[in-house]
C-alpha atoms as a PDB file:
ATOM      1  CA  MET A   1     -11.127  72.484   5.425  1.00  0.00           C
ATOM      2  CA  ALA A   2     -11.631  76.001   6.763  1.00  0.00           C
ATOM      3  CA  ALA A   3     -14.850  77.304   8.301  1.00  0.00           C
ATOM      4  CA  ALA A   4     -15.785  80.882   9.059  1.00  0.00           C
ATOM      5  CA  LEU A   5     -16.057  81.740  12.733  1.00  0.00           C
ATOM      6  CA  PRO A   6     -19.048  83.721  14.050  1.00  0.00           C
ATOM      7  CA  VAL A   7     -18.674  87.495  13.677  1.00  0.00           C
ATOM      8  CA  PHE A   8     -19.020  87.983  17.442  1.00  0.00           C
ATOM      9  CA  TYR A   9     -15.870  85.868  18.061  1.00  0.00           C
ATOM     10  CA  HIS A  10     -12.865  88.195  18.368  1.00  0.00           C
ATOM     11  CA  GLY A  11     -10.077  85.689  19.036  1.00  0.00           C
ATOM     12  CA  ALA A  12      -7.069  86.670  21.137  1.00  0.00           C
ATOM     13  CA  ILE A  13      -7.976  90.173  22.250  1.00  0.00           C
ATOM     14  CA  THR A  14      -7.186  91.326  25.778  1.00  0.00           C
ATOM     15  CA  ARG A  15      -9.715  91.949  28.531  1.00  0.00           C
ATOM     16  CA  THR A  16      -9.011  95.690  28.200  1.00  0.00           C
ATOM     17  CA  GLU A  17      -9.589  95.653  24.421  1.00  0.00           C
ATOM     18  CA  CYS A  18     -12.818  93.741  25.019  1.00  0.00           C
ATOM     19  CA  GLU A  19     -14.027  96.257  27.596  1.00  0.00           C
ATOM     20  CA  ASP A  20     -13.202  99.112  25.205  1.00  0.00           C
ATOM     21  CA  LEU A  21     -15.185  97.519  22.361  1.00  0.00           C
ATOM     22  CA  LEU A  22     -18.209  96.857  24.574  1.00  0.00           C
ATOM     23  CA  GLY A  23     -17.961 100.333  26.109  1.00  0.00           C
ATOM     24  CA  LYS A  24     -18.011 101.934  22.652  1.00  0.00           C
ATOM     25  CA  LYS A  25     -21.189  99.989  21.836  1.00  0.00           C
ATOM     26  CA  ASN A  26     -22.598 101.300  25.164  1.00  0.00           C
ATOM     27  CA  LYS A  27     -25.752  99.170  25.049  1.00  0.00           C
ATOM     28  CA  ASP A  28     -26.978  96.843  27.767  1.00  0.00           C
ATOM     29  CA  GLY A  29     -26.818  93.306  26.413  1.00  0.00           C
ATOM     30  CA  ALA A  30     -23.887  93.998  24.059  1.00  0.00           C
ATOM     31  CA  TYR A  31     -21.674  90.901  23.884  1.00  0.00           C
ATOM     32  CA  LEU A  32     -18.695  89.256  22.250  1.00  0.00           C
ATOM     33  CA  ILE A  33     -16.628  86.106  22.656  1.00  0.00           C
ATOM     34  CA  ARG A  34     -12.841  86.210  22.995  1.00  0.00           C
ATOM     35  CA  ASP A  35     -10.058  83.778  23.884  1.00  0.00           C
ATOM     36  CA  SER A  36      -9.258  83.467  27.583  1.00  0.00           C
ATOM     37  CA  GLU A  37      -6.010  85.106  28.639  1.00  0.00           C
ATOM     38  CA  THR A  38      -5.566  82.764  31.616  1.00  0.00           C
ATOM     39  CA  ILE A  39      -6.720  79.304  30.471  1.00  0.00           C
ATOM     40  CA  GLN A  40      -5.322  77.987  27.216  1.00  0.00           C
ATOM     41  CA  GLY A  41      -8.082  76.658  24.958  1.00  0.00           C
ATOM     42  CA  ALA A  42     -10.899  78.341  26.884  1.00  0.00           C
ATOM     43  CA  MET A  43     -12.935  81.341  25.748  1.00  0.00           C
ATOM     44  CA  CYS A  44     -14.849  84.101  27.479  1.00  0.00           C
ATOM     45  CA  LEU A  45     -18.378  85.314  26.819  1.00  0.00           C
ATOM     46  CA  CYS A  46     -18.354  89.002  27.752  1.00  0.00           C
ATOM     47  CA  VAL A  47     -21.620  90.879  28.343  1.00  0.00           C
ATOM     48  CA  TYR A  48     -22.100  94.620  28.939  1.00  0.00           C
ATOM     49  CA  LYS A  49     -24.648  95.880  31.477  1.00  0.00           C
ATOM     50  CA  GLN A  50     -24.772  99.375  32.985  1.00  0.00           C
ATOM     51  CA  ARG A  51     -21.099 100.174  32.231  1.00  0.00           C
ATOM     52  CA  VAL A  52     -19.909  96.847  33.697  1.00  0.00           C
ATOM     53  CA  VAL A  53     -18.551  93.930  31.646  1.00  0.00           C
ATOM     54  CA  TYR A  54     -19.506  90.505  32.988  1.00  0.00           C
ATOM     55  CA  THR A  55     -17.236  87.672  31.864  1.00  0.00           C
ATOM     56  CA  TYR A  56     -18.266  84.011  31.685  1.00  0.00           C
ATOM     57  CA  ARG A  57     -15.825  81.208  30.898  1.00  0.00           C
ATOM     58  CA  LEU A  58     -16.625  78.984  27.905  1.00  0.00           C
ATOM     59  CA  LEU A  59     -15.092  75.548  27.564  1.00  0.00           C
ATOM     60  CA  GLN A  60     -15.039  73.158  24.634  1.00  0.00           C
ATOM     61  CA  THR A  61     -15.430  69.469  25.438  1.00  0.00           C
ATOM     62  CA  HIS A  62     -13.368  66.685  23.888  1.00  0.00           C
ATOM     63  CA  ASN A  63     -16.193  66.001  21.412  1.00  0.00           C
ATOM     64  CA  GLY A  64     -16.404  69.640  20.269  1.00  0.00           C
ATOM     65  CA  ASN A  65     -19.439  70.831  22.239  1.00  0.00           C
ATOM     66  CA  TYR A  66     -19.367  74.163  24.085  1.00  0.00           C
ATOM     67  CA  THR A  67     -20.496  74.827  27.633  1.00  0.00           C
ATOM     68  CA  LEU A  68     -20.655  77.855  29.896  1.00  0.00           C
ATOM     69  CA  MET A  69     -18.799  77.202  33.150  1.00  0.00           C
ATOM     70  CA  THR A  70     -21.429  77.226  35.870  1.00  0.00           C
ATOM     71  CA  ALA A  71     -21.423  77.650  39.617  1.00  0.00           C
ATOM     72  CA  GLY A  72     -21.748  74.490  41.677  1.00  0.00           C
ATOM     73  CA  GLY A  73     -25.245  73.060  41.677  1.00  0.00           C
ATOM     74  CA  SER A  74     -26.263  74.524  38.313  1.00  0.00           C
ATOM     75  CA  ASN A  75     -27.106  72.209  35.445  1.00  0.00           C
ATOM     76  CA  GLU A  76     -24.433  72.256  32.776  1.00  0.00           C
ATOM     77  CA  MET A  77     -25.734  72.682  29.225  1.00  0.00           C
ATOM     78  CA  PHE A  78     -23.863  71.723  26.059  1.00  0.00           C
ATOM     79  CA  PHE A  79     -24.147  73.308  22.616  1.00  0.00           C
ATOM     80  CA  LYS A  80     -22.937  72.024  19.232  1.00  0.00           C
ATOM     81  CA  ASN A  81     -21.527  75.428  18.245  1.00  0.00           C
ATOM     82  CA  LEU A  82     -21.144  79.012  19.444  1.00  0.00           C
ATOM     83  CA  ASP A  83     -24.199  80.164  17.476  1.00  0.00           C
ATOM     84  CA  ASP A  84     -26.419  77.698  19.381  1.00  0.00           C
ATOM     85  CA  LEU A  85     -24.946  78.832  22.698  1.00  0.00           C
ATOM     86  CA  VAL A  86     -25.562  82.504  21.868  1.00  0.00           C
ATOM     87  CA  ARG A  87     -29.104  81.751  20.645  1.00  0.00           C
ATOM     88  CA  HIS A  88     -29.854  80.114  24.016  1.00  0.00           C
ATOM     89  CA  TYR A  89     -28.492  83.033  26.059  1.00  0.00           C
ATOM     90  CA  LYS A  90     -30.395  85.607  23.988  1.00  0.00           C
ATOM     91  CA  ARG A  91     -33.464  84.543  25.943  1.00  0.00           C
ATOM     92  CA  LYS A  92     -34.147  86.211  29.285  1.00  0.00           C
ATOM     93  CA  ASN A  93     -33.531  84.521  32.637  1.00  0.00           C
ATOM     94  CA  ARG A  94     -30.874  82.043  31.482  1.00  0.00           C
ATOM     95  CA  GLY A  95     -28.472  82.820  34.327  1.00  0.00           C
ATOM     96  CA  LEU A  96     -26.441  85.713  32.879  1.00  0.00           C
ATOM     97  CA  ALA A  97     -26.317  89.203  34.373  1.00  0.00           C
ATOM     98  CA  MET A  98     -28.056  90.355  31.165  1.00  0.00           C
ATOM     99  CA  HIS A  99     -29.441  88.384  28.238  1.00  0.00           C
ATOM    100  CA  LEU A 100     -27.520  88.772  24.981  1.00  0.00           C
ATOM    101  CA  ARG A 101     -28.969  91.486  22.723  1.00  0.00           C
ATOM    102  CA  HIS A 102     -26.344  93.254  20.572  1.00  0.00           C
ATOM    103  CA  SER A 103     -23.392  91.389  19.098  1.00  0.00           C
ATOM    104  CA  VAL A 104     -20.163  93.346  18.724  1.00  0.00           C
ATOM    105  CA  LYS A 105     -18.850  92.269  15.356  1.00  0.00           C
ATOM    106  CA  ARG A 106     -15.157  92.024  14.565  1.00  0.00           C
ATOM    107  CA  LYS A 107     -13.903  93.959  11.566  1.00  0.00           C
ATOM    108  CA  THR A 108     -12.001  91.183   9.762  1.00  0.00           C
ATOM    109  CA  ALA A 109     -12.860  87.648   8.674  1.00  0.00           C
ATOM    110  CA  MET A 110     -11.364  84.765  10.655  1.00  0.00           C
ATOM    111  CA  LEU A 111     -11.097  81.173   9.545  1.00  0.00           C
ATOM    112  CA  ILE A 112     -10.582  78.081  11.626  1.00  0.00           C
ATOM    113  CA  ARG A 113      -8.643  75.339   9.915  1.00  0.00           C
ATOM    114  CA  SER A 114      -9.127  71.666  10.612  1.00  0.00           C
ATOM    115  CA  PRO A 115      -6.031  70.369  12.439  1.00  0.00           C
ATOM    116  CA  LYS A 116      -5.857  67.417  10.031  1.00  0.00           C
ATOM    117  CA  SER A 117      -5.190  69.562   6.950  1.00  0.00           C
ATOM    118  CA  PRO A 118      -1.623  70.847   6.482  1.00  0.00           C
ATOM    119  CA  ASP A 119      -0.900  74.491   5.811  1.00  0.00           C
ATOM    120  CA  PRO A 120      -0.723  75.372   2.107  1.00  0.00           C
ATOM    121  CA  PRO A 121       2.823  75.771   0.744  1.00  0.00           C
ATOM    122  CA  ASP A 122       4.348  79.224   0.937  1.00  0.00           C
ATOM    123  CA  PRO A 123       4.825  80.415  -2.677  1.00  0.00           C
ATOM    124  CA  SER A 124       7.907  82.404  -1.618  1.00  0.00           C
ATOM    125  CA  ASP A 125       9.717  79.173  -0.628  1.00  0.00           C
ATOM    126  CA  PRO A 126      11.995  77.549  -3.212  1.00  0.00           C
ATOM    127  CA  PRO A 127      10.262  74.634  -5.023  1.00  0.00           C
ATOM    128  CA  GLU A 128      12.345  71.994  -3.217  1.00  0.00           C
ATOM    129  CA  GLU A 129      11.168  73.360   0.177  1.00  0.00           C
ATOM    130  CA  GLN A 130       7.463  73.442  -0.730  1.00  0.00           C
ATOM    131  CA  GLY A 131       5.526  70.468   0.560  1.00  0.00           C
ATOM    132  CA  ARG A 132       8.295  69.556   3.033  1.00  0.00           C
ATOM    133  CA  GLN A 133       7.185  69.716   6.640  1.00  0.00           C
ATOM    134  CA  THR A 134       9.520  70.649   9.447  1.00  0.00           C
ATOM    135  CA  PRO A 135       9.745  67.737  11.881  1.00  0.00           C
ATOM    136  CA  VAL A 136       8.572  68.470  15.394  1.00  0.00           C
ATOM    137  CA  PRO A 137      10.897  67.014  18.027  1.00  0.00           C
ATOM    138  CA  GLU A 138       9.337  64.628  20.497  1.00  0.00           C
ATOM    139  CA  GLU A 139       9.356  66.010  24.000  1.00  0.00           C
ATOM    140  CA  GLU A 140       7.531  65.421  27.224  1.00  0.00           C
ATOM    141  CA  HIS A 141       5.027  68.071  28.255  1.00  0.00           C
ATOM    142  CA  ASP A 142       3.483  68.805  31.555  1.00  0.00           C
ATOM    143  CA  TYR A 143      -0.148  68.584  30.500  1.00  0.00           C
ATOM    144  CA  GLU A 144      -1.161  71.737  32.323  1.00  0.00           C
ATOM    145  CA  ASN A 145       0.982  73.736  29.892  1.00  0.00           C
ATOM    146  CA  ALA A 146       0.668  71.531  26.806  1.00  0.00           C
ATOM    147  CA  PRO A 147       0.777  73.250  23.404  1.00  0.00           C
ATOM    148  CA  ASP A 148      -2.366  73.915  21.332  1.00  0.00           C
ATOM    149  CA  LEU A 149      -2.094  70.481  19.648  1.00  0.00           C
ATOM    150  CA  SER A 150      -4.473  68.867  22.134  1.00  0.00           C
ATOM    151  CA  GLU A 151      -8.199  68.628  21.448  1.00  0.00           C
ATOM    152  CA  TYR A 152      -8.874  68.404  25.187  1.00  0.00           C
ATOM    153  CA  VAL A 153      -9.349  71.184  27.712  1.00  0.00           C
ATOM    154  CA  GLU A 154      -8.437  70.375  31.288  1.00  0.00           C
ATOM    155  CA  VAL A 155     -10.621  72.145  33.826  1.00  0.00           C
ATOM    156  CA  LEU A 156      -8.806  72.824  37.072  1.00  0.00           C
ATOM    157  CA  PRO A 157     -10.616  73.807  40.261  1.00  0.00           C
ATOM    158  CA  SER A 158     -10.224  77.468  41.162  1.00  0.00           C
END
């Protein structure tokens, strides 16, 4: 099962690419969400205000909810999806440098596939290879650098 991701989610773009996109929009409150370059599985909410891009870390919990990483002492809020999170932070005085006003939309469609469904067969493969899955060797991982197969995000103190 594949679901469309929100148009303001840009995936694995760099911080520099993000700053360029927001700078081209050149509107206070312009925002987008991208994958974190430093923490695997985390995302960043990036907001433009007076030629500065403010970046907030987004984490997904083991049950699929999203939360904005907060400073100590702040109440943590959880959202069922990115649209709900963005809707909340579009209101003024929610703790961001600037409330969200103008989404920066990506140019191409992105789909997220459920991890339970296998990839469709490649039609260029010979018929005997289609439907056959390549076995993944068992190996021990250090969980800090585990591959994307995990549904959990480990939050380490900074």
